[in-house]
Protein backbone atom coordinates (compact mmCIF):
# COMPACT_ATOMS: atom_id res chain seq x y z
CA UNK A 1 99.17 110.01 106.68
CA UNK A 2 100.77 109.09 110.29
CA UNK A 3 103.14 106.17 108.13
CA UNK A 4 106.80 106.90 108.09
CA UNK A 5 109.01 104.47 106.44
CA UNK A 6 113.28 104.50 105.88
CA UNK A 7 114.49 103.96 102.17
CA UNK A 8 117.97 104.16 101.08
CA UNK A 9 119.03 106.62 98.48
CA UNK A 10 121.71 105.98 95.76
CA UNK A 11 122.83 108.67 93.56
CA UNK A 12 126.99 106.98 92.40
CA UNK A 13 126.66 106.84 88.62
CA UNK A 14 130.48 105.75 87.85
CA UNK A 15 132.02 104.52 84.07
CA UNK A 16 135.48 103.67 83.25
CA UNK A 17 137.00 101.97 80.39
CA UNK A 18 139.64 100.49 82.59
CA UNK A 19 139.11 100.07 86.58
CA UNK A 20 142.25 99.15 87.73
CA UNK A 21 142.17 97.59 91.96
CA UNK A 22 144.35 96.92 95.03
CA UNK A 23 144.38 93.48 93.95
CA UNK A 24 142.95 91.20 91.32
CA UNK A 25 143.01 91.58 87.43
CA UNK A 26 141.94 95.35 85.97
CA UNK A 27 138.33 95.15 85.12
CA UNK A 28 137.00 95.93 81.80
CA UNK A 29 133.72 98.53 81.23
CA UNK A 30 133.29 99.20 84.85
CA UNK A 31 129.98 100.27 85.89
CA UNK A 32 129.10 101.42 89.05
CA UNK A 33 125.84 103.53 89.60
CA UNK A 34 121.99 103.86 90.62
CA UNK A 35 120.27 103.54 87.83
CA UNK A 36 121.24 99.07 88.01
CA UNK A 37 119.34 99.44 91.44
CA UNK A 38 116.42 100.35 89.81
CA UNK A 39 116.67 97.84 86.69
CA UNK A 40 117.31 94.95 89.35
CA UNK A 41 113.67 96.07 90.91
CA UNK A 42 111.70 96.55 87.43
CA UNK A 43 113.48 93.04 86.18
CA UNK A 44 112.77 91.11 89.34
CA UNK A 45 108.59 92.33 89.20
CA UNK A 46 109.24 90.76 85.40
CA UNK A 47 110.34 87.62 86.42
CA UNK A 48 107.78 88.14 90.03
CA UNK A 49 110.82 86.68 92.07
CA UNK A 50 109.99 89.31 94.33
CA UNK A 51 113.90 89.37 96.17
CA UNK A 52 113.97 93.01 95.44
CA UNK A 53 112.65 96.19 97.51
CA UNK A 54 110.88 98.42 95.74
CA UNK A 55 113.30 100.62 94.07
CA UNK A 56 112.42 104.30 92.39
CA UNK A 57 114.39 107.11 90.61
CA UNK A 58 113.55 110.37 92.82
CA UNK A 59 115.52 113.37 92.07
CA UNK A 60 116.63 115.37 95.71
CA UNK A 61 118.17 118.24 95.51
CA UNK A 62 118.63 118.70 91.90
CA UNK A 63 120.38 115.05 92.15
CA UNK A 64 118.60 111.65 90.26
CA UNK A 65 119.33 109.26 92.14
CA UNK A 66 117.53 105.22 93.06
CA UNK A 67 115.22 105.74 96.30
CA UNK A 68 114.54 102.18 97.95
CA UNK A 69 112.52 100.82 100.99
CA UNK A 70 114.23 100.16 103.80
CA UNK A 71 113.60 96.54 104.74
CA UNK A 72 112.88 96.47 108.00
CA UNK A 73 113.92 93.45 110.89
CA UNK A 74 116.55 92.09 108.77
CA UNK A 75 120.28 90.89 108.98
CA UNK A 76 122.71 89.73 106.47
CA UNK A 77 123.39 86.15 105.28
CA UNK A 78 126.63 86.37 106.65
CA UNK A 79 125.28 86.98 109.77
CA UNK A 80 122.40 84.62 109.68
CA UNK A 81 125.18 81.76 108.94
CA UNK A 82 127.12 83.18 112.20
CA UNK A 83 125.21 82.90 114.35
CA UNK A 84 123.69 79.53 113.08
CA UNK A 85 120.04 81.41 112.78
CA UNK A 86 118.05 77.89 110.77
CA UNK A 87 114.37 78.13 108.73
CA UNK A 88 112.41 76.17 110.38
CA UNK A 89 111.58 74.69 105.90
CA UNK A 90 114.72 74.18 104.60
CA UNK A 91 113.40 73.37 101.65
CA UNK A 92 111.35 76.32 100.56
CA UNK A 93 114.61 78.53 101.95
CA UNK A 94 116.96 76.16 99.40
CA UNK A 95 114.12 77.07 96.46
CA UNK A 96 114.85 80.95 97.39
CA UNK A 97 118.29 80.42 97.57
CA UNK A 98 118.80 78.52 94.27
CA UNK A 99 116.02 81.53 92.46
CA UNK A 100 118.54 84.32 93.94
CA UNK A 101 121.82 83.06 92.63
CA UNK A 102 120.44 82.52 88.81
CA UNK A 103 119.25 86.37 89.67
CA UNK A 104 122.14 87.26 90.31
CA UNK A 105 124.17 85.37 87.58
CA UNK A 106 121.11 86.90 85.20
CA UNK A 107 122.51 90.46 86.04
CA UNK A 108 126.34 89.68 85.79
CA UNK A 109 126.38 91.06 89.36
CA UNK A 110 130.00 91.64 89.96
CA UNK A 111 129.22 91.40 94.19
CA UNK A 112 127.39 88.34 93.80
CA UNK A 113 129.96 86.29 95.98
CA UNK A 114 128.82 89.49 99.54
CA UNK A 115 127.00 87.84 101.52
CA UNK A 116 125.92 91.01 103.47
CA UNK A 117 123.93 91.89 99.83
CA UNK A 118 121.49 89.10 100.96
CA UNK A 119 119.43 90.22 103.72
CA UNK A 120 116.98 87.90 106.36
CA UNK A 121 113.78 88.89 107.45
CA UNK A 122 112.63 87.21 111.11
CA UNK A 123 110.20 85.17 108.44
CA UNK A 124 113.16 83.77 106.83
CA UNK A 125 112.15 85.48 103.47
CA UNK A 126 115.17 86.32 101.58
CA UNK A 127 116.01 90.08 99.73
CA UNK A 128 118.84 91.04 97.33
CA UNK A 129 119.75 94.46 97.67
CA UNK A 130 122.85 96.61 96.25
CA UNK A 131 122.89 95.95 92.51
CA UNK A 132 124.62 98.84 91.75
CA UNK A 133 127.55 97.02 89.85
CA UNK A 134 125.52 94.88 88.22
CA UNK A 135 124.19 94.55 84.06
CA UNK A 136 127.73 94.37 82.68
CA UNK A 137 127.40 94.47 79.05
CA UNK A 138 129.59 91.12 79.00
CA UNK A 139 127.65 88.17 77.42
CA UNK A 140 128.22 85.89 79.66
CA UNK A 141 127.77 84.55 83.39
CA UNK A 142 130.16 84.53 86.30
CA UNK A 143 129.41 81.32 87.49
CA UNK A 144 127.27 78.48 86.82
CA UNK A 145 128.75 76.07 89.32
CA UNK A 146 126.02 76.88 92.13
CA UNK A 147 122.69 76.86 89.77
CA UNK A 148 122.30 73.16 90.47
CA UNK A 149 118.57 73.60 91.09
CA UNK A 150 115.70 75.82 89.37
CA UNK A 151 111.95 76.90 89.36
CA UNK A 152 109.71 75.54 86.35
CA UNK A 153 107.85 78.72 86.24
CA UNK A 154 111.18 81.09 87.03
CA UNK A 155 112.55 79.17 83.64
CA UNK A 156 109.49 79.32 82.00
CA UNK A 157 109.09 83.28 82.55
CA UNK A 158 113.12 83.18 81.56
CA UNK A 159 112.00 81.95 78.46
CA UNK A 160 109.53 84.57 77.57
CA UNK A 161 111.62 87.70 77.93
CA UNK A 162 112.26 89.40 74.78
CA UNK A 163 114.53 92.28 74.03
CA UNK A 164 110.80 94.36 73.33
CA UNK A 165 110.03 93.65 76.32
CA UNK A 166 113.30 94.88 78.15
CA UNK A 167 113.20 97.48 76.47
CA UNK A 168 109.11 98.29 77.67
CA UNK A 169 110.60 98.49 80.93
CA UNK A 170 114.57 98.59 81.11
CA UNK A 171 115.52 101.45 78.53
CA UNK A 172 115.60 104.08 81.05
CA UNK A 173 118.02 102.57 82.98
CA UNK A 174 119.62 100.26 80.68
CA UNK A 175 121.29 100.81 77.61
CA UNK A 176 120.44 98.14 74.40
CA UNK A 177 124.32 96.45 75.04
CA UNK A 178 123.06 95.57 78.51
CA UNK A 179 119.81 94.27 77.12
CA UNK A 180 121.33 92.60 74.58
CA UNK A 181 124.22 90.78 77.12
CA UNK A 182 121.43 90.01 79.71
CA UNK A 183 119.55 88.16 77.09
CA UNK A 184 122.58 86.49 76.45
CA UNK A 185 123.46 85.71 80.20
CA UNK A 186 119.86 84.15 79.64
CA UNK A 187 120.68 81.80 77.32
CA UNK A 188 123.57 80.36 78.73
CA UNK A 189 121.47 80.17 81.77
CA UNK A 190 118.80 78.41 79.92
CA UNK A 191 121.15 76.18 78.02
CA UNK A 192 123.56 75.28 81.30
CA UNK A 193 119.85 74.29 83.28
CA UNK A 194 118.72 72.20 80.48
CA UNK A 195 122.28 70.09 80.79
CA UNK A 196 121.83 69.86 84.73
CA UNK A 197 118.68 68.44 84.27
CA UNK A 198 119.77 66.08 81.33
CA UNK A 199 122.50 64.73 84.25
CA UNK A 200 120.99 64.82 87.35
CA UNK A 201 116.51 64.19 85.85
CA UNK A 202 113.95 65.88 86.49
CA UNK A 203 112.75 65.16 89.79
CA UNK A 204 116.12 66.10 91.64
CA UNK A 205 116.64 69.06 89.48
CA UNK A 206 113.25 71.50 89.49
CA UNK A 207 110.75 72.92 91.41
CA UNK A 208 107.28 74.56 91.45
């Protein structure tokens, strides 16, 4: 009809056994691909999070890529912090922050520290974007230091994840090794959650 929407179109698809950067150690198994954008959206749906904007695979001028709905009226989390804009519901905001941190650790997002990859709309809803460098094959998490509170429902959905489920929903975009590593990180996160619960108690650690 008359409705028009904007979208982000990404075609990058790079894999290098070793990637050297200007600073820091070389990265083994460097991956930067549009396929991860679609995988992130599909996993977000499996976990019922609602952080990743709708993302699908499309071909334009014979070139495949990811097409992600542009979320209108947003600023980056870095800009929100700079402008000192405070959410009206601090607890609801905190719950979003912890859930999105968990998600980025689960998918091994190498850009998880980049505040420009988290968007905040005018209702103070968070959105997670730019996952092309995620889903590494390392069976470990990047950093659990800031995972201090957990959604009970999200932990339960994590426990129910299995390879059959991931294969059905993610196999077009993730390899078997990537899916196996994702489940290994899931196990590490669940183990970490149990440790934090034991240290701080359920009341201080869990939320609905």
